[in-house]
Each structure stands twice: as structure tokens, then as C-alpha cells.
C-alpha atoms as a PDB file:
ATOM      1  CA  UNK A   1     -69.536 -50.502 193.608  1.00  0.00           C
ATOM      2  CA  UNK A   2     -70.229 -47.600 195.904  1.00  0.00           C
ATOM      3  CA  UNK A   3     -70.550 -43.966 194.931  1.00  0.00           C
ATOM      4  CA  UNK A   4     -67.321 -41.988 195.226  1.00  0.00           C
ATOM      5  CA  UNK A   5     -67.538 -39.645 198.238  1.00  0.00           C
ATOM      6  CA  UNK A   6     -67.090 -35.955 197.625  1.00  0.00           C
ATOM      7  CA  UNK A   7     -63.515 -35.183 198.614  1.00  0.00           C
ATOM      8  CA  UNK A   8     -62.380 -31.856 200.044  1.00  0.00           C
ATOM      9  CA  UNK A   9     -59.320 -30.558 201.894  1.00  0.00           C
ATOM     10  CA  UNK A  10     -60.524 -32.144 205.153  1.00  0.00           C
ATOM     11  CA  UNK A  11     -59.827 -35.588 203.644  1.00  0.00           C
ATOM     12  CA  UNK A  12     -56.625 -37.624 203.923  1.00  0.00           C
ATOM     13  CA  UNK A  13     -55.153 -39.830 201.223  1.00  0.00           C
ATOM     14  CA  UNK A  14     -53.104 -42.872 202.257  1.00  0.00           C
ATOM     15  CA  UNK A  15     -50.989 -44.383 199.483  1.00  0.00           C
ATOM     16  CA  UNK A  16     -49.109 -47.628 199.192  1.00  0.00           C
ATOM     17  CA  UNK A  17     -45.830 -47.296 197.269  1.00  0.00           C
ATOM     18  CA  UNK A  18     -44.757 -50.344 195.241  1.00  0.00           C
ATOM     19  CA  UNK A  19     -47.424 -51.184 192.685  1.00  0.00           C
ATOM     20  CA  UNK A  20     -49.188 -47.826 193.111  1.00  0.00           C
ATOM     21  CA  UNK A  21     -46.526 -45.131 192.679  1.00  0.00           C
ATOM     22  CA  UNK A  22     -43.791 -47.208 191.085  1.00  0.00           C
ATOM     23  CA  UNK A  23     -43.412 -50.514 189.300  1.00  0.00           C
ATOM     24  CA  UNK A  24     -43.197 -53.368 191.750  1.00  0.00           C
ATOM     25  CA  UNK A  25     -40.473 -55.984 191.304  1.00  0.00           C
ATOM     26  CA  UNK A  26     -42.221 -59.350 191.196  1.00  0.00           C
ATOM     27  CA  UNK A  27     -41.100 -61.535 194.111  1.00  0.00           C
ATOM     28  CA  UNK A  28     -38.332 -59.006 194.870  1.00  0.00           C
ATOM     29  CA  UNK A  29     -37.689 -55.541 196.296  1.00  0.00           C
ATOM     30  CA  UNK A  30     -36.785 -52.156 194.860  1.00  0.00           C
ATOM     31  CA  UNK A  31     -33.394 -51.909 196.559  1.00  0.00           C
ATOM     32  CA  UNK A  32     -32.091 -48.541 195.327  1.00  0.00           C
ATOM     33  CA  UNK A  33     -33.081 -45.465 193.361  1.00  0.00           C
ATOM     34  CA  UNK A  34     -31.794 -46.880 190.053  1.00  0.00           C
ATOM     35  CA  UNK A  35     -34.408 -49.664 190.347  1.00  0.00           C
ATOM     36  CA  UNK A  36     -37.271 -47.246 191.054  1.00  0.00           C
ATOM     37  CA  UNK A  37     -39.534 -46.459 188.068  1.00  0.00           C
ATOM     38  CA  UNK A  38     -42.668 -44.324 188.360  1.00  0.00           C
ATOM     39  CA  UNK A  39     -45.790 -45.581 186.621  1.00  0.00           C
ATOM     40  CA  UNK A  40     -46.788 -43.407 183.670  1.00  0.00           C
ATOM     41  CA  UNK A  41     -48.989 -40.514 184.750  1.00  0.00           C
ATOM     42  CA  UNK A  42     -48.374 -40.908 188.486  1.00  0.00           C
ATOM     43  CA  UNK A  43     -46.635 -37.561 188.994  1.00  0.00           C
ATOM     44  CA  UNK A  44     -49.510 -35.789 187.213  1.00  0.00           C
ATOM     45  CA  UNK A  45     -51.987 -37.789 189.300  1.00  0.00           C
ATOM     46  CA  UNK A  46     -50.195 -36.712 192.494  1.00  0.00           C
ATOM     47  CA  UNK A  47     -50.337 -33.089 191.354  1.00  0.00           C
ATOM     48  CA  UNK A  48     -54.114 -33.440 190.922  1.00  0.00           C
ATOM     49  CA  UNK A  49     -54.568 -35.290 194.215  1.00  0.00           C
ATOM     50  CA  UNK A  50     -52.438 -32.702 196.060  1.00  0.00           C
ATOM     51  CA  UNK A  51     -54.997 -30.082 195.085  1.00  0.00           C
ATOM     52  CA  UNK A  52     -57.897 -32.218 196.330  1.00  0.00           C
ATOM     53  CA  UNK A  53     -56.733 -33.838 199.596  1.00  0.00           C
ATOM     54  CA  UNK A  54     -55.602 -31.849 202.628  1.00  0.00           C
ATOM     55  CA  UNK A  55     -53.117 -34.495 203.739  1.00  0.00           C
ATOM     56  CA  UNK A  56     -51.309 -37.165 201.723  1.00  0.00           C
ATOM     57  CA  UNK A  57     -49.221 -39.840 203.394  1.00  0.00           C
ATOM     58  CA  UNK A  58     -47.498 -42.968 202.160  1.00  0.00           C
ATOM     59  CA  UNK A  59     -47.684 -46.218 204.122  1.00  0.00           C
ATOM     60  CA  UNK A  60     -45.389 -48.942 202.862  1.00  0.00           C
ATOM     61  CA  UNK A  61     -44.169 -52.322 204.065  1.00  0.00           C
ATOM     62  CA  UNK A  62     -40.432 -52.540 203.372  1.00  0.00           C
ATOM     63  CA  UNK A  63     -39.351 -56.003 204.390  1.00  0.00           C
ATOM     64  CA  UNK A  64     -36.216 -55.683 202.203  1.00  0.00           C
ATOM     65  CA  UNK A  65     -34.721 -53.577 205.011  1.00  0.00           C
ATOM     66  CA  UNK A  66     -35.709 -56.142 207.636  1.00  0.00           C
ATOM     67  CA  UNK A  67     -34.125 -58.919 205.556  1.00  0.00           C
ATOM     68  CA  UNK A  68     -30.875 -56.969 205.273  1.00  0.00           C
ATOM     69  CA  UNK A  69     -31.132 -56.732 201.473  1.00  0.00           C
ATOM     70  CA  UNK A  70     -30.962 -52.950 201.766  1.00  0.00           C
ATOM     71  CA  UNK A  71     -30.327 -50.452 204.550  1.00  0.00           C
ATOM     72  CA  UNK A  72     -32.589 -47.824 206.066  1.00  0.00           C
ATOM     73  CA  UNK A  73     -30.279 -45.302 204.345  1.00  0.00           C
ATOM     74  CA  UNK A  74     -30.926 -46.974 200.968  1.00  0.00           C
ATOM     75  CA  UNK A  75     -34.661 -46.644 201.609  1.00  0.00           C
ATOM     76  CA  UNK A  76     -34.264 -43.024 202.716  1.00  0.00           C
ATOM     77  CA  UNK A  77     -32.373 -42.283 199.480  1.00  0.00           C
ATOM     78  CA  UNK A  78     -35.171 -43.821 197.381  1.00  0.00           C
ATOM     79  CA  UNK A  79     -37.764 -41.785 199.244  1.00  0.00           C
ATOM     80  CA  UNK A  80     -35.748 -38.547 199.070  1.00  0.00           C
ATOM     81  CA  UNK A  81     -35.406 -38.872 195.293  1.00  0.00           C
ATOM     82  CA  UNK A  82     -39.034 -39.948 194.870  1.00  0.00           C
ATOM     83  CA  UNK A  83     -40.321 -36.956 196.868  1.00  0.00           C
ATOM     84  CA  UNK A  84     -38.039 -34.613 194.907  1.00  0.00           C
ATOM     85  CA  UNK A  85     -39.509 -35.793 191.593  1.00  0.00           C
ATOM     86  CA  UNK A  86     -43.065 -35.546 192.944  1.00  0.00           C
ATOM     87  CA  UNK A  87     -42.445 -32.045 194.354  1.00  0.00           C
ATOM     88  CA  UNK A  88     -40.791 -30.862 191.142  1.00  0.00           C
ATOM     89  CA  UNK A  89     -43.998 -31.888 189.360  1.00  0.00           C
ATOM     90  CA  UNK A  90     -46.174 -29.847 191.789  1.00  0.00           C
ATOM     91  CA  UNK A  91     -47.350 -32.836 193.814  1.00  0.00           C
ATOM     92  CA  UNK A  92     -46.650 -33.658 197.427  1.00  0.00           C
ATOM     93  CA  UNK A  93     -46.332 -36.339 200.072  1.00  0.00           C
ATOM     94  CA  UNK A  94     -46.714 -34.897 203.555  1.00  0.00           C
ATOM     95  CA  UNK A  95     -45.012 -37.836 205.259  1.00  0.00           C
ATOM     96  CA  UNK A  96     -43.824 -41.372 204.558  1.00  0.00           C
ATOM     97  CA  UNK A  97     -44.316 -44.205 207.036  1.00  0.00           C
ATOM     98  CA  UNK A  98     -42.729 -47.593 206.562  1.00  0.00           C
ATOM     99  CA  UNK A  99     -42.522 -50.863 208.410  1.00  0.00           C
ATOM    100  CA  UNK A 100     -39.458 -53.058 207.936  1.00  0.00           C
ATOM    101  CA  UNK A 101     -40.524 -55.739 210.419  1.00  0.00           C
ATOM    102  CA  UNK A 102     -40.225 -59.382 209.446  1.00  0.00           C
ATOM    103  CA  UNK A 103     -43.074 -60.255 211.845  1.00  0.00           C
ATOM    104  CA  UNK A 104     -46.467 -60.440 210.127  1.00  0.00           C
ATOM    105  CA  UNK A 105     -48.096 -59.783 213.504  1.00  0.00           C
ATOM    106  CA  UNK A 106     -46.212 -56.489 213.968  1.00  0.00           C
ATOM    107  CA  UNK A 107     -48.809 -53.793 214.666  1.00  0.00           C
ATOM    108  CA  UNK A 108     -47.169 -51.442 212.155  1.00  0.00           C
ATOM    109  CA  UNK A 109     -47.042 -53.974 209.318  1.00  0.00           C
ATOM    110  CA  UNK A 110     -49.969 -53.821 206.900  1.00  0.00           C
ATOM    111  CA  UNK A 111     -52.649 -55.140 207.054  1.00  0.00           C
ATOM    112  CA  UNK A 112     -52.397 -54.124 210.723  1.00  0.00           C
ATOM    113  CA  UNK A 113     -53.314 -50.435 211.199  1.00  0.00           C
ATOM    114  CA  UNK A 114     -50.255 -49.178 213.116  1.00  0.00           C
ATOM    115  CA  UNK A 115     -48.997 -46.829 210.385  1.00  0.00           C
ATOM    116  CA  UNK A 116     -52.457 -45.236 210.146  1.00  0.00           C
ATOM    117  CA  UNK A 117     -52.359 -44.446 213.848  1.00  0.00           C
ATOM    118  CA  UNK A 118     -48.797 -43.117 213.548  1.00  0.00           C
ATOM    119  CA  UNK A 119     -50.070 -40.715 210.889  1.00  0.00           C
ATOM    120  CA  UNK A 120     -53.004 -39.693 213.070  1.00  0.00           C
ATOM    121  CA  UNK A 121     -50.597 -38.921 215.927  1.00  0.00           C
ATOM    122  CA  UNK A 122     -48.553 -36.684 213.624  1.00  0.00           C
ATOM    123  CA  UNK A 123     -51.565 -35.092 211.899  1.00  0.00           C
ATOM    124  CA  UNK A 124     -54.183 -34.681 214.634  1.00  0.00           C
ATOM    125  CA  UNK A 125     -56.872 -33.659 212.134  1.00  0.00           C
ATOM    126  CA  UNK A 126     -56.896 -37.043 210.374  1.00  0.00           C
ATOM    127  CA  UNK A 127     -60.366 -38.562 210.510  1.00  0.00           C
ATOM    128  CA  UNK A 128     -60.352 -42.130 209.218  1.00  0.00           C
ATOM    129  CA  UNK A 129     -63.992 -41.826 208.124  1.00  0.00           C
ATOM    130  CA  UNK A 130     -62.732 -39.093 205.766  1.00  0.00           C
ATOM    131  CA  UNK A 131     -59.700 -41.031 204.557  1.00  0.00           C
ATOM    132  CA  UNK A 132     -58.979 -43.123 201.478  1.00  0.00           C
ATOM    133  CA  UNK A 133     -56.408 -45.924 201.235  1.00  0.00           C
ATOM    134  CA  UNK A 134     -55.100 -46.683 197.730  1.00  0.00           C
ATOM    135  CA  UNK A 135     -53.226 -49.945 197.233  1.00  0.00           C
ATOM    136  CA  UNK A 136     -52.589 -52.834 194.892  1.00  0.00           C
ATOM    137  CA  UNK A 137     -52.970 -55.713 197.354  1.00  0.00           C
ATOM    138  CA  UNK A 138     -55.763 -57.032 199.535  1.00  0.00           C
ATOM    139  CA  UNK A 139     -53.498 -56.418 202.553  1.00  0.00           C
ATOM    140  CA  UNK A 140     -53.676 -52.691 201.692  1.00  0.00           C
ATOM    141  CA  UNK A 141     -57.458 -52.921 201.574  1.00  0.00           C
ATOM    142  CA  UNK A 142     -57.532 -54.750 204.916  1.00  0.00           C
ATOM    143  CA  UNK A 143     -55.259 -52.038 206.378  1.00  0.00           C
ATOM    144  CA  UNK A 144     -57.733 -49.385 205.244  1.00  0.00           C
ATOM    145  CA  UNK A 145     -60.726 -51.294 206.614  1.00  0.00           C
ATOM    146  CA  UNK A 146     -58.911 -51.973 209.911  1.00  0.00           C
ATOM    147  CA  UNK A 147     -58.629 -48.203 210.374  1.00  0.00           C
ATOM    148  CA  UNK A 148     -62.150 -47.410 209.102  1.00  0.00           C
ATOM    149  CA  UNK A 149     -61.172 -45.875 205.739  1.00  0.00           C
ATOM    150  CA  UNK A 150     -62.602 -46.043 202.244  1.00  0.00           C
ATOM    151  CA  UNK A 151     -60.490 -48.386 200.117  1.00  0.00           C
ATOM    152  CA  UNK A 152     -59.377 -48.063 196.511  1.00  0.00           C
ATOM    153  CA  UNK A 153     -57.843 -51.049 194.745  1.00  0.00           C
ATOM    154  CA  UNK A 154     -55.648 -50.448 191.695  1.00  0.00           C
ATOM    155  CA  UNK A 155     -55.208 -53.258 189.165  1.00  0.00           C
ATOM    156  CA  UNK A 156     -51.556 -52.559 188.366  1.00  0.00           C
ATOM    157  CA  UNK A 157     -50.092 -55.834 189.658  1.00  0.00           C
ATOM    158  CA  UNK A 158     -52.924 -58.125 190.754  1.00  0.00           C
ATOM    159  CA  UNK A 159     -55.831 -57.601 188.328  1.00  0.00           C
ATOM    160  CA  UNK A 160     -57.036 -61.172 188.913  1.00  0.00           C
ATOM    161  CA  UNK A 161     -58.444 -60.256 192.352  1.00  0.00           C
ATOM    162  CA  UNK A 162     -62.202 -60.750 191.945  1.00  0.00           C
ATOM    163  CA  UNK A 163     -64.839 -58.057 192.420  1.00  0.00           C
ATOM    164  CA  UNK A 164     -67.011 -57.394 194.193  1.00  0.00           C
ATOM    165  CA  UNK A 165     -64.920 -57.880 197.294  1.00  0.00           C
ATOM    166  CA  UNK A 166     -65.962 -56.755 200.788  1.00  0.00           C
ATOM    167  CA  UNK A 167     -62.517 -55.195 201.312  1.00  0.00           C
ATOM    168  CA  UNK A 168     -62.677 -53.072 198.134  1.00  0.00           C
ATOM    169  CA  UNK A 169     -64.919 -49.984 197.999  1.00  0.00           C
ATOM    170  CA  UNK A 170     -63.664 -48.691 194.638  1.00  0.00           C
ATOM    171  CA  UNK A 171     -61.492 -50.135 191.897  1.00  0.00           C
ATOM    172  CA  UNK A 172     -59.450 -48.434 189.178  1.00  0.00           C
ATOM    173  CA  UNK A 173     -56.838 -49.529 186.679  1.00  0.00           C
ATOM    174  CA  UNK A 174     -54.212 -47.252 188.271  1.00  0.00           C
ATOM    175  CA  UNK A 175     -53.597 -44.121 190.355  1.00  0.00           C
ATOM    176  CA  UNK A 176     -54.145 -41.687 187.432  1.00  0.00           C
ATOM    177  CA  UNK A 177     -57.593 -43.217 186.790  1.00  0.00           C
ATOM    178  CA  UNK A 178     -58.452 -42.765 190.472  1.00  0.00           C
ATOM    179  CA  UNK A 179     -57.235 -39.134 190.420  1.00  0.00           C
ATOM    180  CA  UNK A 180     -59.352 -38.390 187.359  1.00  0.00           C
ATOM    181  CA  UNK A 181     -62.423 -39.945 188.981  1.00  0.00           C
ATOM    182  CA  UNK A 182     -62.004 -37.989 192.228  1.00  0.00           C
ATOM    183  CA  UNK A 183     -61.486 -34.751 190.322  1.00  0.00           C
ATOM    184  CA  UNK A 184     -64.618 -35.369 188.254  1.00  0.00           C
ATOM    185  CA  UNK A 185     -66.906 -35.541 191.316  1.00  0.00           C
ATOM    186  CA  UNK A 186     -65.604 -32.389 193.012  1.00  0.00           C
ATOM    187  CA  UNK A 187     -68.161 -29.615 193.181  1.00  0.00           C
ATOM    188  CA  UNK A 188     -66.957 -26.496 191.443  1.00  0.00           C
ATOM    189  CA  UNK A 189     -67.533 -23.308 193.508  1.00  0.00           C
END
């Protein structure tokens, strides 16, 4: 494993949603807010990470919309409620990007880097060499590598993925463990 870089407010954090922030439904989709359940400790982790990273964005594939299992309004409702809970716990998400395409070759669908470049258009200061992608799938890691980011794999849903892996720079059991690790390497003024 590599050494964790020293993070400061010039860094950007990219987060996957299902399997990182909330429990993923195996072979299914979180279709509405009543099905959305935060992982334990995630809101505290986001509070910590909000104090460490200058920009935090979510990048999430949402094929359930593309399949017609839910609407864009259903997804917007999930995200509105999710952000409200995060904000009420002193964390933040600066913007959420999603791709509902059914086409695996769609530039915006992870592992393709389109959502990273959307974020960079909206936040001109984003430097991918000072960015971290946190996800629970190898497609998230490939997305991060495709944009030139550091990658963090969390073992929440797919712990059987072997390490070392050229796509994975760092590995943690979950987002709170990552937040604790990042906080522990920050230089105190």
C-alpha cells in the first residue's frame, strides 16, 4: 500500500453513493427515500471529511432511472433528504452528479471519467492529482484512475476483491475508517 497523501483544503473528495454512504441493495436499486439507510458512522465521517477537503462531490451511476424503475424526481428526493441529513450533522456535499444511462460506453457512466470532468467544469479549481475517489467497486477505482486520482476502496460490499490491486491505492473497511486515517495524517498548525 502507498502512503496516504497529506490532504488540505486544495484537495477534492469524490464519493460513490451506494455501498459507501448507504447500504446497497444486492442486485437491486434504492428506489426511494424509505429504502435509503446510511451506514453507521457515515454522517460523522462526512463531518470530519468536510473539514479536511475543500470540495466534496458525489458521483453515482443510477441505472434504476434509466430502466424506468424510478424517476429522476424519485432520485432527486433521495438526494435532497440525504443532503439534509448530512448537512444537519455538519457535513456537506458540494454537488451530486449521476448517470442514468443504460449504455456502458456512455462517457458519463463510471468507469468512464465523464462525471469527473463535469465536476471540474463546475469547480474550476479541481486538480485530479489532488483528488481522491472513494468507492466500493473496481469500476469506481477505474473511474478514479481514468481521471488521474488517488483511489480508496472500501470493503463494505465486495471484500473479496484481492489486494494488492493496481487500481486500488488505499483500502479501508468503510468511509469512517478512511476519514479517521486522513484526519490522523493532517499536520496540526
